[in-house]
Amino acid sequence: MADDAPTPFTQFLLALRGGDAHHELTEALADLTSAVMESGRAGSLSFTVKIKPAAKGGNAVLITDSTALKRPAANNPEALFFAGDGGRLSRNDPRQPELPLREAGGPTPIRESKENTR
């Protein structure tokens, strides 16, 4: 490779943090793919490289990297609540009066009429 040719990104990635960055990205990609297949929704994986000069006037640089995995949002069902005074949430509508329901006695035996017993 000529001195003025750019470093191949795969070579850089394998050298970054002794290969740990490559390993973390590989695991994150597999995790994301599984999550997308399970949920049927989109997700994303971002890899950021930051480079800054190590010292004034030198040619050394400091490199940091970060990986951000955004798994697909869970498909949680909606829940119905009613908002009352002061932001209070209730499962029952506070504006609707409750019916005075009570438990009925045991089952009533069914009697057959004499007409139906022929």
C-alpha atoms as a PDB file:
ATOM      1  CA  MET A   1       0.000   0.000   0.000  1.00  0.00           C
ATOM      2  CA  ALA A   2       1.313   3.440  -0.910  1.00  0.00           C
ATOM      3  CA  ASP A   3       1.939   5.895   1.930  1.00  0.00           C
ATOM      4  CA  ASP A   4      -0.684   8.312   0.589  1.00  0.00           C
ATOM      5  CA  ALA A   5      -3.427   5.669   0.219  1.00  0.00           C
ATOM      6  CA  PRO A   6      -6.163   5.792   2.887  1.00  0.00           C
ATOM      7  CA  THR A   7      -6.317   3.066   5.493  1.00  0.00           C
ATOM      8  CA  PRO A   8      -9.082   0.600   4.572  1.00  0.00           C
ATOM      9  CA  PHE A   9     -11.928   1.000   7.059  1.00  0.00           C
ATOM     10  CA  THR A  10     -12.066  -2.732   7.803  1.00  0.00           C
ATOM     11  CA  GLN A  11      -8.369  -2.683   8.702  1.00  0.00           C
ATOM     12  CA  PHE A  12      -8.910   0.330  10.969  1.00  0.00           C
ATOM     13  CA  LEU A  13     -11.953  -1.290  12.613  1.00  0.00           C
ATOM     14  CA  LEU A  14     -10.090  -4.523  13.334  1.00  0.00           C
ATOM     15  CA  ALA A  15      -7.202  -2.538  14.904  1.00  0.00           C
ATOM     16  CA  LEU A  16      -9.416  -0.197  16.960  1.00  0.00           C
ATOM     17  CA  ARG A  17      -9.326  -1.172  20.652  1.00  0.00           C
ATOM     18  CA  GLY A  18      -7.573  -4.415  19.759  1.00  0.00           C
ATOM     19  CA  GLY A  19     -10.573  -5.644  17.753  1.00  0.00           C
ATOM     20  CA  ASP A  20     -13.112  -5.015  20.532  1.00  0.00           C
ATOM     21  CA  ALA A  21     -14.969  -2.405  18.462  1.00  0.00           C
ATOM     22  CA  HIS A  22     -15.383  -4.907  15.615  1.00  0.00           C
ATOM     23  CA  HIS A  23     -16.614  -7.582  18.025  1.00  0.00           C
ATOM     24  CA  GLU A  24     -19.121  -5.208  19.692  1.00  0.00           C
ATOM     25  CA  LEU A  25     -20.495  -4.102  16.315  1.00  0.00           C
ATOM     26  CA  THR A  26     -20.847  -7.704  15.174  1.00  0.00           C
ATOM     27  CA  GLU A  27     -22.806  -8.616  18.329  1.00  0.00           C
ATOM     28  CA  ALA A  28     -24.950  -5.469  18.104  1.00  0.00           C
ATOM     29  CA  LEU A  29     -25.765  -6.184  14.449  1.00  0.00           C
ATOM     30  CA  ALA A  30     -26.890  -9.720  15.294  1.00  0.00           C
ATOM     31  CA  ASP A  31     -28.967  -8.443  18.223  1.00  0.00           C
ATOM     32  CA  LEU A  32     -30.607  -5.779  16.055  1.00  0.00           C
ATOM     33  CA  THR A  33     -31.387  -8.248  13.273  1.00  0.00           C
ATOM     34  CA  SER A  34     -33.051 -10.661  15.727  1.00  0.00           C
ATOM     35  CA  ALA A  35     -35.087  -7.869  17.322  1.00  0.00           C
ATOM     36  CA  VAL A  36     -36.280  -6.604  13.926  1.00  0.00           C
ATOM     37  CA  MET A  37     -37.319 -10.092  12.843  1.00  0.00           C
ATOM     38  CA  GLU A  38     -39.195 -10.705  16.120  1.00  0.00           C
ATOM     39  CA  SER A  39     -41.037  -7.376  16.151  1.00  0.00           C
ATOM     40  CA  GLY A  40     -41.505  -6.719  12.445  1.00  0.00           C
ATOM     41  CA  ARG A  41     -40.414  -3.127  13.093  1.00  0.00           C
ATOM     42  CA  ALA A  42     -37.346  -1.116  12.147  1.00  0.00           C
ATOM     43  CA  GLY A  43     -34.334  -0.486  14.352  1.00  0.00           C
ATOM     44  CA  SER A  44     -30.928   1.087  13.813  1.00  0.00           C
ATOM     45  CA  LEU A  45     -27.262   0.678  14.622  1.00  0.00           C
ATOM     46  CA  SER A  46     -24.940   3.697  14.575  1.00  0.00           C
ATOM     47  CA  PHE A  47     -21.168   3.726  14.878  1.00  0.00           C
ATOM     48  CA  THR A  48     -19.407   7.032  15.555  1.00  0.00           C
ATOM     49  CA  VAL A  49     -15.692   7.703  15.333  1.00  0.00           C
ATOM     50  CA  LYS A  50     -14.256  10.905  16.852  1.00  0.00           C
ATOM     51  CA  ILE A  51     -10.704  11.970  16.023  1.00  0.00           C
ATOM     52  CA  LYS A  52      -8.820  14.828  17.664  1.00  0.00           C
ATOM     53  CA  PRO A  53      -5.186  15.923  17.669  1.00  0.00           C
ATOM     54  CA  ALA A  54      -3.101  14.332  20.436  1.00  0.00           C
ATOM     55  CA  ALA A  55      -0.640  17.209  20.709  1.00  0.00           C
ATOM     56  CA  LYS A  56       0.001  20.575  19.147  1.00  0.00           C
ATOM     57  CA  GLY A  57       1.946  20.332  15.942  1.00  0.00           C
ATOM     58  CA  GLY A  58       2.387  16.551  15.976  1.00  0.00           C
ATOM     59  CA  ASN A  59       0.885  13.984  13.678  1.00  0.00           C
ATOM     60  CA  ALA A  60      -0.572  11.777  16.455  1.00  0.00           C
ATOM     61  CA  VAL A  61      -4.352  11.629  16.893  1.00  0.00           C
ATOM     62  CA  LEU A  62      -6.645  10.305  19.627  1.00  0.00           C
ATOM     63  CA  ILE A  63      -9.572   8.213  18.450  1.00  0.00           C
ATOM     64  CA  THR A  64     -12.701   7.352  20.397  1.00  0.00           C
ATOM     65  CA  ASP A  65     -15.653   5.379  19.152  1.00  0.00           C
ATOM     66  CA  SER A  66     -19.200   4.741  20.268  1.00  0.00           C
ATOM     67  CA  THR A  67     -21.921   2.368  19.227  1.00  0.00           C
ATOM     68  CA  ALA A  68     -25.626   3.172  19.563  1.00  0.00           C
ATOM     69  CA  LEU A  69     -28.159   0.401  19.132  1.00  0.00           C
ATOM     70  CA  LYS A  70     -31.806   1.414  18.813  1.00  0.00           C
ATOM     71  CA  ARG A  71     -33.929  -1.705  19.074  1.00  0.00           C
ATOM     72  CA  PRO A  72     -37.433  -1.648  17.594  1.00  0.00           C
ATOM     73  CA  ALA A  73     -40.037  -0.136  19.881  1.00  0.00           C
ATOM     74  CA  ALA A  74     -42.089  -2.658  21.808  1.00  0.00           C
ATOM     75  CA  ASN A  75     -45.604  -3.180  20.581  1.00  0.00           C
ATOM     76  CA  ASN A  76     -47.326  -2.662  23.931  1.00  0.00           C
ATOM     77  CA  PRO A  77     -51.126  -2.592  23.896  1.00  0.00           C
ATOM     78  CA  GLU A  78     -52.927   0.628  24.740  1.00  0.00           C
ATOM     79  CA  ALA A  79     -54.677   1.020  28.095  1.00  0.00           C
ATOM     80  CA  LEU A  80     -57.793   3.137  28.638  1.00  0.00           C
ATOM     81  CA  PHE A  81     -57.800   5.504  31.626  1.00  0.00           C
ATOM     82  CA  PHE A  82     -59.935   8.500  32.530  1.00  0.00           C
ATOM     83  CA  ALA A  83     -58.390  11.791  33.608  1.00  0.00           C
ATOM     84  CA  GLY A  84     -59.881  13.413  36.690  1.00  0.00           C
ATOM     85  CA  ASP A  85     -59.194  16.527  38.710  1.00  0.00           C
ATOM     86  CA  GLY A  86     -55.554  17.303  39.382  1.00  0.00           C
ATOM     87  CA  GLY A  87     -54.368  14.864  36.697  1.00  0.00           C
ATOM     88  CA  ARG A  88     -55.569  11.800  38.612  1.00  0.00           C
ATOM     89  CA  LEU A  89     -55.920   8.730  36.388  1.00  0.00           C
ATOM     90  CA  SER A  90     -58.632   6.158  36.981  1.00  0.00           C
ATOM     91  CA  ARG A  91     -59.804   3.024  35.195  1.00  0.00           C
ATOM     92  CA  ASN A  92     -63.413   4.182  35.862  1.00  0.00           C
ATOM     93  CA  ASP A  93     -64.924   7.355  34.445  1.00  0.00           C
ATOM     94  CA  PRO A  94     -65.209   9.703  37.452  1.00  0.00           C
ATOM     95  CA  ARG A  95     -68.157  11.525  35.798  1.00  0.00           C
ATOM     96  CA  GLN A  96     -70.268   8.374  35.538  1.00  0.00           C
ATOM     97  CA  PRO A  97     -72.060   7.193  38.676  1.00  0.00           C
ATOM     98  CA  GLU A  98     -71.519   3.615  39.719  1.00  0.00           C
ATOM     99  CA  LEU A  99     -74.479   1.264  39.474  1.00  0.00           C
ATOM    100  CA  PRO A 100     -75.499  -0.309  42.783  1.00  0.00           C
ATOM    101  CA  LEU A 101     -74.759  -3.842  41.646  1.00  0.00           C
ATOM    102  CA  ARG A 102     -74.945  -6.733  44.068  1.00  0.00           C
ATOM    103  CA  GLU A 103     -74.291 -10.388  43.753  1.00  0.00           C
ATOM    104  CA  ALA A 104     -77.347 -12.519  43.004  1.00  0.00           C
ATOM    105  CA  GLY A 105     -78.105 -15.696  44.929  1.00  0.00           C
ATOM    106  CA  GLY A 106     -77.311 -19.179  43.652  1.00  0.00           C
ATOM    107  CA  PRO A 107     -78.830 -20.608  40.479  1.00  0.00           C
ATOM    108  CA  THR A 108     -82.590 -20.968  40.401  1.00  0.00           C
ATOM    109  CA  PRO A 109     -83.737 -24.495  39.461  1.00  0.00           C
ATOM    110  CA  ILE A 110     -85.589 -24.649  36.179  1.00  0.00           C
ATOM    111  CA  ARG A 111     -89.012 -26.269  36.384  1.00  0.00           C
ATOM    112  CA  GLU A 112     -90.464 -27.859  33.343  1.00  0.00           C
ATOM    113  CA  SER A 113     -94.062 -27.121  32.632  1.00  0.00           C
ATOM    114  CA  LYS A 114     -96.451 -30.042  32.366  1.00  0.00           C
ATOM    115  CA  GLU A 115     -96.995 -29.204  28.692  1.00  0.00           C
ATOM    116  CA  ASN A 116     -93.307 -29.828  27.825  1.00  0.00           C
ATOM    117  CA  THR A 117     -93.111 -33.235  29.546  1.00  0.00           C
ATOM    118  CA  ARG A 118     -95.206 -35.233  27.047  1.00  0.00           C
END
